[in-house]
Amino acid sequence: MVRKQRPNANIQKQVHYSDRFYVVPKTPKVAIIGSPYEVIYNHISYYHKVLASFIELGTAVFVIEVSEVDKVAERLKNLGYESLSEMSAIDFLEKRGEFELFYQFLSYLPGYATKRRLRLKAVLKKGDNPPTLSHLYRSAVWSEREAYDMFGIVFEGHKHLKRILMPDDWVGHPLLKSYPLKGDEHAAWYEVDKIFGKEYREIIGPEQRDSARVDEKDTFNFSKVGHTQEKGLPLEDKAGKYAFEKSAFVKDLHSQEPTELKDRP
């Protein structure tokens, strides 16, 4: 039976290989009013506009305007949330034309045992620049650099906004859903151009970007079953080679006349 071919143009809008009968269960959301987080909500909502609020998996979630992220974060720090444990974004450019920023805060105060974790979420339109939190939290210096490197988001006020994982001259942002899974044309030639130069492209060839590719004749990265030999040597198809390497319990394992040891030598 041949699998039906499907168009890939709208691959960002739908899951390509998901079971059409399976419905992903949604995590339950609990109201903040009446919970230990209510006092934090009252402090925030008195000074800032909260678009939505709920408790999800024991964490309070506040949805706010992206322009107020730095002001709300400063107020949260004064309320005891002195740790920014995580910050990143989700690419919804194809579906909604926007990113979803999220900031995960943590408090270590003894009285905050029932309201330890809090998350801020904000919608960022394509081309807009959110304010930096690097002057409030040291961890934001690295998290915002990673978001810039992976998504191309520019944070206003960041004093050292440059790539942190990819090389400075890299083209594109790898965590965008529009970024090719195997890298673009630039990625395929990057190391060849940097190490040897563009004049060696025809000699060396493009970089192999398919991590799932297995070449049975590649003895440098793989051992050919039934013809094991030292790494990197050219493939030799000799009869009588052992199918497996020797181990502590196996002596001269041959496909025709194997010998099994009863005890460890």
C-alpha atoms as a PDB file:
ATOM      1  CA  MET A   1       0.000   0.000   0.000  1.00  0.00           C
ATOM      2  CA  VAL A   2       1.447   3.352  -1.041  1.00  0.00           C
ATOM      3  CA  ARG A   3       1.117   6.226   1.381  1.00  0.00           C
ATOM      4  CA  LYS A   4      -0.917   9.133   0.057  1.00  0.00           C
ATOM      5  CA  GLN A   5       1.189  12.115  -0.933  1.00  0.00           C
ATOM      6  CA  ARG A   6       0.204  15.377   0.752  1.00  0.00           C
ATOM      7  CA  PRO A   7       1.161  18.950  -0.153  1.00  0.00           C
ATOM      8  CA  ASN A   8       3.783  20.600   2.053  1.00  0.00           C
ATOM      9  CA  ALA A   9       2.850  24.241   1.424  1.00  0.00           C
ATOM     10  CA  ASN A  10       0.883  24.604   4.654  1.00  0.00           C
ATOM     11  CA  ILE A  11       3.124  22.418   6.811  1.00  0.00           C
ATOM     12  CA  GLN A  12       3.264  25.086   9.557  1.00  0.00           C
ATOM     13  CA  LYS A  13      -0.521  25.219   9.855  1.00  0.00           C
ATOM     14  CA  GLN A  14      -1.163  21.559  10.600  1.00  0.00           C
ATOM     15  CA  VAL A  15       0.575  18.508  12.001  1.00  0.00           C
ATOM     16  CA  HIS A  16       1.661  16.459   8.998  1.00  0.00           C
ATOM     17  CA  TYR A  17       1.816  12.944  10.439  1.00  0.00           C
ATOM     18  CA  SER A  18      -0.587  13.105  13.404  1.00  0.00           C
ATOM     19  CA  ASP A  19      -3.385  10.622  13.936  1.00  0.00           C
ATOM     20  CA  ARG A  20      -6.580  12.278  12.705  1.00  0.00           C
ATOM     21  CA  PHE A  21      -8.615  10.473  15.385  1.00  0.00           C
ATOM     22  CA  TYR A  22      -6.426  11.584  18.298  1.00  0.00           C
ATOM     23  CA  VAL A  23      -7.398  14.716  20.206  1.00  0.00           C
ATOM     24  CA  VAL A  24      -4.679  16.184  22.427  1.00  0.00           C
ATOM     25  CA  PRO A  25      -6.119  16.748  25.913  1.00  0.00           C
ATOM     26  CA  LYS A  26      -5.873  20.299  27.224  1.00  0.00           C
ATOM     27  CA  THR A  27      -4.335  20.944  30.609  1.00  0.00           C
ATOM     28  CA  PRO A  28      -6.952  22.160  33.109  1.00  0.00           C
ATOM     29  CA  LYS A  29      -6.940  25.860  33.974  1.00  0.00           C
ATOM     30  CA  VAL A  30      -8.045  26.995  37.439  1.00  0.00           C
ATOM     31  CA  ALA A  31      -9.271  30.474  38.358  1.00  0.00           C
ATOM     32  CA  ILE A  32      -6.838  32.659  40.297  1.00  0.00           C
ATOM     33  CA  ILE A  33      -9.567  34.240  42.431  1.00  0.00           C
ATOM     34  CA  GLY A  34      -9.690  32.311  45.690  1.00  0.00           C
ATOM     35  CA  SER A  35      -6.191  30.847  45.277  1.00  0.00           C
ATOM     36  CA  PRO A  36      -2.920  31.886  47.019  1.00  0.00           C
ATOM     37  CA  TYR A  37      -1.978  33.734  43.825  1.00  0.00           C
ATOM     38  CA  GLU A  38      -4.923  36.137  44.200  1.00  0.00           C
ATOM     39  CA  VAL A  39      -2.873  38.627  46.225  1.00  0.00           C
ATOM     40  CA  ILE A  40      -0.247  38.753  43.465  1.00  0.00           C
ATOM     41  CA  TYR A  41      -2.960  39.211  40.859  1.00  0.00           C
ATOM     42  CA  ASN A  42      -4.441  42.117  42.823  1.00  0.00           C
ATOM     43  CA  HIS A  43      -1.064  43.856  42.982  1.00  0.00           C
ATOM     44  CA  ILE A  44      -0.474  43.451  39.232  1.00  0.00           C
ATOM     45  CA  SER A  45      -3.983  44.247  38.011  1.00  0.00           C
ATOM     46  CA  TYR A  46      -4.169  47.428  40.118  1.00  0.00           C
ATOM     47  CA  TYR A  47      -1.307  49.028  38.159  1.00  0.00           C
ATOM     48  CA  HIS A  48      -1.317  47.144  34.848  1.00  0.00           C
ATOM     49  CA  LYS A  49      -3.822  45.685  32.417  1.00  0.00           C
ATOM     50  CA  VAL A  50      -4.057  41.891  32.710  1.00  0.00           C
ATOM     51  CA  LEU A  51      -5.614  40.420  29.569  1.00  0.00           C
ATOM     52  CA  ALA A  52      -6.088  36.943  31.045  1.00  0.00           C
ATOM     53  CA  SER A  53      -5.121  35.061  34.183  1.00  0.00           C
ATOM     54  CA  PHE A  54      -5.378  31.452  35.355  1.00  0.00           C
ATOM     55  CA  ILE A  55      -3.464  28.696  37.155  1.00  0.00           C
ATOM     56  CA  GLU A  56      -2.051  25.903  35.016  1.00  0.00           C
ATOM     57  CA  LEU A  57      -0.123  22.943  36.472  1.00  0.00           C
ATOM     58  CA  GLY A  58       0.398  24.833  39.731  1.00  0.00           C
ATOM     59  CA  THR A  59       1.795  27.912  38.008  1.00  0.00           C
ATOM     60  CA  ALA A  60       0.026  31.280  37.825  1.00  0.00           C
ATOM     61  CA  VAL A  61      -0.158  32.614  34.269  1.00  0.00           C
ATOM     62  CA  PHE A  62      -0.697  36.305  33.507  1.00  0.00           C
ATOM     63  CA  VAL A  63      -1.215  37.473  29.923  1.00  0.00           C
ATOM     64  CA  ILE A  64      -0.190  41.119  29.504  1.00  0.00           C
ATOM     65  CA  GLU A  65       0.696  43.655  26.829  1.00  0.00           C
ATOM     66  CA  VAL A  66       4.220  43.252  25.494  1.00  0.00           C
ATOM     67  CA  SER A  67       4.955  46.944  26.079  1.00  0.00           C
ATOM     68  CA  GLU A  68       4.473  46.439  29.827  1.00  0.00           C
ATOM     69  CA  VAL A  69       6.688  43.372  30.245  1.00  0.00           C
ATOM     70  CA  ASP A  70       9.538  45.293  31.876  1.00  0.00           C
ATOM     71  CA  LYS A  71       7.230  47.245  34.213  1.00  0.00           C
ATOM     72  CA  VAL A  72       5.359  44.130  35.353  1.00  0.00           C
ATOM     73  CA  ALA A  73       8.620  42.217  35.788  1.00  0.00           C
ATOM     74  CA  GLU A  74      10.009  44.987  37.983  1.00  0.00           C
ATOM     75  CA  ARG A  75       6.885  44.893  40.142  1.00  0.00           C
ATOM     76  CA  LEU A  76       7.109  41.109  40.428  1.00  0.00           C
ATOM     77  CA  LYS A  77      10.716  41.378  41.543  1.00  0.00           C
ATOM     78  CA  ASN A  78       9.690  43.801  44.276  1.00  0.00           C
ATOM     79  CA  LEU A  79       6.984  41.329  45.328  1.00  0.00           C
ATOM     80  CA  GLY A  80       9.562  38.573  45.880  1.00  0.00           C
ATOM     81  CA  TYR A  81       9.984  36.876  42.491  1.00  0.00           C
ATOM     82  CA  GLU A  82      13.709  37.470  42.293  1.00  0.00           C
ATOM     83  CA  SER A  83      14.600  34.668  39.867  1.00  0.00           C
ATOM     84  CA  LEU A  84      13.915  34.577  36.130  1.00  0.00           C
ATOM     85  CA  SER A  85      14.398  30.858  35.538  1.00  0.00           C
ATOM     86  CA  GLU A  86      13.404  30.749  31.871  1.00  0.00           C
ATOM     87  CA  MET A  87      12.507  33.012  28.982  1.00  0.00           C
ATOM     88  CA  SER A  88      11.849  32.164  25.334  1.00  0.00           C
ATOM     89  CA  ALA A  89       9.315  32.439  22.514  1.00  0.00           C
ATOM     90  CA  ILE A  90       7.044  30.316  20.319  1.00  0.00           C
ATOM     91  CA  ASP A  91       6.779  30.903  16.584  1.00  0.00           C
ATOM     92  CA  PHE A  92       3.172  31.479  15.492  1.00  0.00           C
ATOM     93  CA  LEU A  93       4.113  33.626  12.482  1.00  0.00           C
ATOM     94  CA  GLU A  94       2.425  31.381   9.924  1.00  0.00           C
ATOM     95  CA  LYS A  95      -0.798  30.930  11.889  1.00  0.00           C
ATOM     96  CA  ARG A  96      -1.261  34.337  13.548  1.00  0.00           C
ATOM     97  CA  GLY A  97       1.607  36.527  12.328  1.00  0.00           C
ATOM     98  CA  GLU A  98       3.120  36.817  15.810  1.00  0.00           C
ATOM     99  CA  PHE A  99       5.391  35.351  18.467  1.00  0.00           C
ATOM    100  CA  GLU A 100       4.310  34.322  21.941  1.00  0.00           C
ATOM    101  CA  LEU A 101       6.835  35.418  24.556  1.00  0.00           C
ATOM    102  CA  PHE A 102       6.865  33.759  27.966  1.00  0.00           C
ATOM    103  CA  TYR A 103       8.822  34.526  31.132  1.00  0.00           C
ATOM    104  CA  GLN A 104       9.030  32.060  34.030  1.00  0.00           C
ATOM    105  CA  PHE A 105       9.580  33.612  37.478  1.00  0.00           C
ATOM    106  CA  LEU A 106      10.426  31.877  40.745  1.00  0.00           C
ATOM    107  CA  SER A 107      10.335  32.994  44.375  1.00  0.00           C
ATOM    108  CA  TYR A 108      12.378  31.399  47.167  1.00  0.00           C
ATOM    109  CA  LEU A 109      10.745  33.265  50.045  1.00  0.00           C
ATOM    110  CA  PRO A 110       9.506  30.976  52.864  1.00  0.00           C
ATOM    111  CA  GLY A 111       6.000  32.433  52.783  1.00  0.00           C
ATOM    112  CA  TYR A 112       5.631  31.726  49.049  1.00  0.00           C
ATOM    113  CA  ALA A 113       5.440  27.932  49.280  1.00  0.00           C
ATOM    114  CA  THR A 114       1.901  27.923  47.835  1.00  0.00           C
ATOM    115  CA  LYS A 115       2.638  30.580  45.171  1.00  0.00           C
ATOM    116  CA  ARG A 116       6.169  29.715  44.137  1.00  0.00           C
ATOM    117  CA  ARG A 117       5.972  29.885  40.320  1.00  0.00           C
ATOM    118  CA  LEU A 118       4.560  32.564  38.034  1.00  0.00           C
ATOM    119  CA  ARG A 119       4.593  32.960  34.252  1.00  0.00           C
ATOM    120  CA  LEU A 120       4.117  36.078  32.137  1.00  0.00           C
ATOM    121  CA  LYS A 121       2.921  35.713  28.551  1.00  0.00           C
ATOM    122  CA  ALA A 122       2.766  38.400  25.887  1.00  0.00           C
ATOM    123  CA  VAL A 123       2.015  38.493  22.169  1.00  0.00           C
ATOM    124  CA  LEU A 124       4.706  40.026  19.958  1.00  0.00           C
ATOM    125  CA  LYS A 125       3.774  41.112  16.451  1.00  0.00           C
ATOM    126  CA  LYS A 126       6.268  40.450  13.683  1.00  0.00           C
ATOM    127  CA  GLY A 127       8.771  43.311  13.464  1.00  0.00           C
ATOM    128  CA  ASP A 128       8.042  44.682  16.956  1.00  0.00           C
ATOM    129  CA  ASN A 129      10.790  44.894  19.588  1.00  0.00           C
ATOM    130  CA  PRO A 130       9.987  43.980  23.217  1.00  0.00           C
ATOM    131  CA  PRO A 131      11.747  45.750  26.125  1.00  0.00           C
ATOM    132  CA  THR A 132      14.735  44.057  27.715  1.00  0.00           C
ATOM    133  CA  LEU A 133      14.794  42.656  31.253  1.00  0.00           C
ATOM    134  CA  SER A 134      18.592  42.458  31.386  1.00  0.00           C
ATOM    135  CA  HIS A 135      18.755  45.387  33.820  1.00  0.00           C
ATOM    136  CA  LEU A 136      16.465  43.508  36.242  1.00  0.00           C
ATOM    137  CA  TYR A 137      17.601  39.893  35.917  1.00  0.00           C
ATOM    138  CA  ARG A 138      21.101  38.710  35.023  1.00  0.00           C
ATOM    139  CA  SER A 139      19.709  35.545  33.415  1.00  0.00           C
ATOM    140  CA  ALA A 140      17.831  37.694  30.870  1.00  0.00           C
ATOM    141  CA  VAL A 141      21.181  38.730  29.367  1.00  0.00           C
ATOM    142  CA  TRP A 142      21.664  35.184  28.081  1.00  0.00           C
ATOM    143  CA  SER A 143      18.014  34.258  27.472  1.00  0.00           C
ATOM    144  CA  GLU A 144      17.392  37.307  25.304  1.00  0.00           C
ATOM    145  CA  ARG A 145      20.568  36.670  23.331  1.00  0.00           C
ATOM    146  CA  GLU A 146      19.365  33.128  22.671  1.00  0.00           C
ATOM    147  CA  ALA A 147      15.922  34.379  21.575  1.00  0.00           C
ATOM    148  CA  TYR A 148      17.639  36.843  19.245  1.00  0.00           C
ATOM    149  CA  ASP A 149      19.907  34.124  17.858  1.00  0.00           C
ATOM    150  CA  MET A 150      17.208  31.485  17.391  1.00  0.00           C
ATOM    151  CA  PHE A 151      14.151  33.635  16.501  1.00  0.00           C
ATOM    152  CA  GLY A 152      15.577  36.991  15.388  1.00  0.00           C
ATOM    153  CA  ILE A 153      13.742  38.930  18.134  1.00  0.00           C
ATOM    154  CA  VAL A 154      15.458  42.238  18.938  1.00  0.00           C
ATOM    155  CA  PHE A 155      15.123  43.396  22.561  1.00  0.00           C
ATOM    156  CA  GLU A 156      15.171  47.157  23.073  1.00  0.00           C
ATOM    157  CA  GLY A 157      17.788  48.276  25.589  1.00  0.00           C
ATOM    158  CA  HIS A 158      19.906  45.120  25.601  1.00  0.00           C
ATOM    159  CA  LYS A 159      23.534  46.275  25.739  1.00  0.00           C
ATOM    160  CA  HIS A 160      25.167  43.197  24.206  1.00  0.00           C
ATOM    161  CA  LEU A 161      22.635  41.656  21.820  1.00  0.00           C
ATOM    162  CA  LYS A 162      24.589  39.269  19.593  1.00  0.00           C
ATOM    163  CA  ARG A 163      24.464  35.606  18.661  1.00  0.00           C
ATOM    164  CA  ILE A 164      25.198  33.152  21.459  1.00  0.00           C
ATOM    165  CA  LEU A 165      24.939  29.699  19.820  1.00  0.00           C
ATOM    166  CA  MET A 166      25.405  30.209  16.087  1.00  0.00           C
ATOM    167  CA  PRO A 167      28.437  31.941  14.509  1.00  0.00           C
ATOM    168  CA  ASP A 168      28.208  35.707  14.113  1.00  0.00           C
ATOM    169  CA  ASP A 169      28.025  35.469  10.311  1.00  0.00           C
ATOM    170  CA  TRP A 170      25.307  32.772  10.291  1.00  0.00           C
ATOM    171  CA  VAL A 171      22.365  33.384   7.968  1.00  0.00           C
ATOM    172  CA  GLY A 172      18.863  32.897   9.393  1.00  0.00           C
ATOM    173  CA  HIS A 173      17.425  31.854  12.756  1.00  0.00           C
ATOM    174  CA  PRO A 174      17.209  28.063  13.282  1.00  0.00           C
ATOM    175  CA  LEU A 175      14.187  27.872  15.637  1.00  0.00           C
ATOM    176  CA  LEU A 176      11.830  29.605  13.230  1.00  0.00           C
ATOM    177  CA  LYS A 177       9.372  27.090  11.812  1.00  0.00           C
ATOM    178  CA  SER A 178      10.141  28.455   8.351  1.00  0.00           C
ATOM    179  CA  TYR A 179      13.817  27.509   8.742  1.00  0.00           C
ATOM    180  CA  PRO A 180      14.692  24.354   6.710  1.00  0.00           C
ATOM    181  CA  LEU A 181      15.058  21.245   8.878  1.00  0.00           C
ATOM    182  CA  LYS A 182      18.321  20.263   7.178  1.00  0.00           C
ATOM    183  CA  GLY A 183      19.640  23.815   6.948  1.00  0.00           C
ATOM    184  CA  ASP A 184      19.609  26.101   3.945  1.00  0.00           C
ATOM    185  CA  GLU A 185      22.129  26.421   1.116  1.00  0.00           C
ATOM    186  CA  HIS A 186      24.361  28.575   3.298  1.00  0.00           C
ATOM    187  CA  ALA A 187      24.420  25.942   6.070  1.00  0.00           C
ATOM    188  CA  ALA A 188      25.411  23.141   3.685  1.00  0.00           C
ATOM    189  CA  TRP A 189      28.590  24.988   2.630  1.00  0.00           C
ATOM    190  CA  TYR A 190      29.399  26.888   5.833  1.00  0.00           C
ATOM    191  CA  GLU A 191      32.227  24.748   7.238  1.00  0.00           C
ATOM    192  CA  VAL A 192      33.705  24.038   3.796  1.00  0.00           C
ATOM    193  CA  ASP A 193      33.883  27.758   3.035  1.00  0.00           C
ATOM    194  CA  LYS A 194      35.259  28.679   6.478  1.00  0.00           C
ATOM    195  CA  ILE A 195      37.928  25.950   6.698  1.00  0.00           C
ATOM    196  CA  PHE A 196      39.015  25.394   3.090  1.00  0.00           C
ATOM    197  CA  GLY A 197      37.497  28.226   1.051  1.00  0.00           C
ATOM    198  CA  LYS A 198      34.835  28.392  -1.642  1.00  0.00           C
ATOM    199  CA  GLU A 199      37.282  27.184  -4.294  1.00  0.00           C
ATOM    200  CA  TYR A 200      37.198  23.713  -2.672  1.00  0.00           C
ATOM    201  CA  ARG A 201      33.430  23.257  -3.004  1.00  0.00           C
ATOM    202  CA  GLU A 202      33.691  21.006  -6.055  1.00  0.00           C
ATOM    203  CA  ILE A 203      36.458  18.942  -4.449  1.00  0.00           C
ATOM    204  CA  ILE A 204      34.889  18.359  -1.018  1.00  0.00           C
ATOM    205  CA  GLY A 205      31.180  18.626  -1.770  1.00  0.00           C
ATOM    206  CA  PRO A 206      28.351  19.946   0.451  1.00  0.00           C
ATOM    207  CA  GLU A 207      28.007  18.986   4.109  1.00  0.00           C
ATOM    208  CA  GLN A 208      25.733  16.024   4.807  1.00  0.00           C
ATOM    209  CA  ARG A 209      22.829  17.575   6.757  1.00  0.00           C
ATOM    210  CA  ASP A 210      20.565  14.507   7.013  1.00  0.00           C
ATOM    211  CA  SER A 211      21.084  13.128  10.543  1.00  0.00           C
ATOM    212  CA  ALA A 212      19.045   9.994   9.725  1.00  0.00           C
ATOM    213  CA  ARG A 213      21.120   8.958   6.713  1.00  0.00           C
ATOM    214  CA  VAL A 214      23.021   5.672   7.080  1.00  0.00           C
ATOM    215  CA  ASP A 215      25.624   4.639   4.504  1.00  0.00           C
ATOM    216  CA  GLU A 216      26.487   0.951   4.748  1.00  0.00           C
ATOM    217  CA  LYS A 217      29.823   1.617   3.038  1.00  0.00           C
ATOM    218  CA  ASP A 218      30.783   4.341   5.542  1.00  0.00           C
ATOM    219  CA  THR A 219      33.277   2.601   7.840  1.00  0.00           C
ATOM    220  CA  PHE A 220      34.330   5.866   9.470  1.00  0.00           C
ATOM    221  CA  ASN A 221      31.020   6.449  11.298  1.00  0.00           C
ATOM    222  CA  PHE A 222      29.460   2.973  11.052  1.00  0.00           C
ATOM    223  CA  SER A 223      30.661  -0.615  11.338  1.00  0.00           C
ATOM    224  CA  LYS A 224      29.376  -2.985   8.681  1.00  0.00           C
ATOM    225  CA  VAL A 225      27.702  -5.940  10.388  1.00  0.00           C
ATOM    226  CA  GLY A 226      29.485  -9.158   9.419  1.00  0.00           C
ATOM    227  CA  HIS A 227      32.575  -7.280   8.265  1.00  0.00           C
ATOM    228  CA  THR A 228      33.733  -5.384  11.343  1.00  0.00           C
ATOM    229  CA  GLN A 229      37.144  -3.758  11.118  1.00  0.00           C
ATOM    230  CA  GLU A 230      39.051  -0.791  12.470  1.00  0.00           C
ATOM    231  CA  LYS A 231      37.476   2.624  12.160  1.00  0.00           C
ATOM    232  CA  GLY A 232      38.263   4.564   9.004  1.00  0.00           C
ATOM    233  CA  LEU A 233      39.759   1.732   6.959  1.00  0.00           C
ATOM    234  CA  PRO A 234      38.355   1.110   3.467  1.00  0.00           C
ATOM    235  CA  LEU A 235      35.602  -1.480   3.318  1.00  0.00           C
ATOM    236  CA  GLU A 236      36.872  -5.027   2.800  1.00  0.00           C
ATOM    237  CA  ASP A 237      34.347  -7.688   1.896  1.00  0.00           C
ATOM    238  CA  LYS A 238      36.158 -10.746   3.208  1.00  0.00           C
ATOM    239  CA  ALA A 239      34.605 -14.101   3.923  1.00  0.00           C
ATOM    240  CA  GLY A 240      35.010 -15.561   7.380  1.00  0.00           C
ATOM    241  CA  LYS A 241      34.788 -12.268   9.280  1.00  0.00           C
ATOM    242  CA  TYR A 242      32.989 -12.549  12.606  1.00  0.00           C
ATOM    243  CA  ALA A 243      29.437 -11.200  12.685  1.00  0.00           C
ATOM    244  CA  PHE A 244      29.990  -9.630  16.107  1.00  0.00           C
ATOM    245  CA  GLU A 245      32.868  -8.318  18.161  1.00  0.00           C
ATOM    246  CA  LYS A 246      34.278 -10.458  20.973  1.00  0.00           C
ATOM    247  CA  SER A 247      32.811  -9.879  24.412  1.00  0.00           C
ATOM    248  CA  ALA A 248      33.388 -11.138  27.947  1.00  0.00           C
ATOM    249  CA  PHE A 249      31.043 -14.123  27.484  1.00  0.00           C
ATOM    250  CA  VAL A 250      31.702 -14.964  23.836  1.00  0.00           C
ATOM    251  CA  LYS A 251      34.768 -16.621  22.357  1.00  0.00           C
ATOM    252  CA  ASP A 252      35.341 -16.776  18.603  1.00  0.00           C
ATOM    253  CA  LEU A 253      31.674 -16.233  17.710  1.00  0.00           C
ATOM    254  CA  HIS A 254      31.278 -17.453  14.161  1.00  0.00           C
ATOM    255  CA  SER A 255      28.096 -17.638  12.158  1.00  0.00           C
ATOM    256  CA  GLN A 256      28.650 -21.361  11.512  1.00  0.00           C
ATOM    257  CA  GLU A 257      30.371 -22.707  14.638  1.00  0.00           C
ATOM    258  CA  PRO A 258      29.821 -20.420  17.629  1.00  0.00           C
ATOM    259  CA  THR A 259      31.399 -21.265  20.991  1.00  0.00           C
ATOM    260  CA  GLU A 260      29.646 -20.052  24.144  1.00  0.00           C
ATOM    261  CA  LEU A 261      31.503 -19.771  27.446  1.00  0.00           C
ATOM    262  CA  LYS A 262      29.663 -20.927  30.571  1.00  0.00           C
ATOM    263  CA  ASP A 263      31.602 -18.735  33.002  1.00  0.00           C
ATOM    264  CA  ARG A 264      33.272 -15.363  32.852  1.00  0.00           C
ATOM    265  CA  PRO A 265      36.989 -15.776  31.972  1.00  0.00           C
END
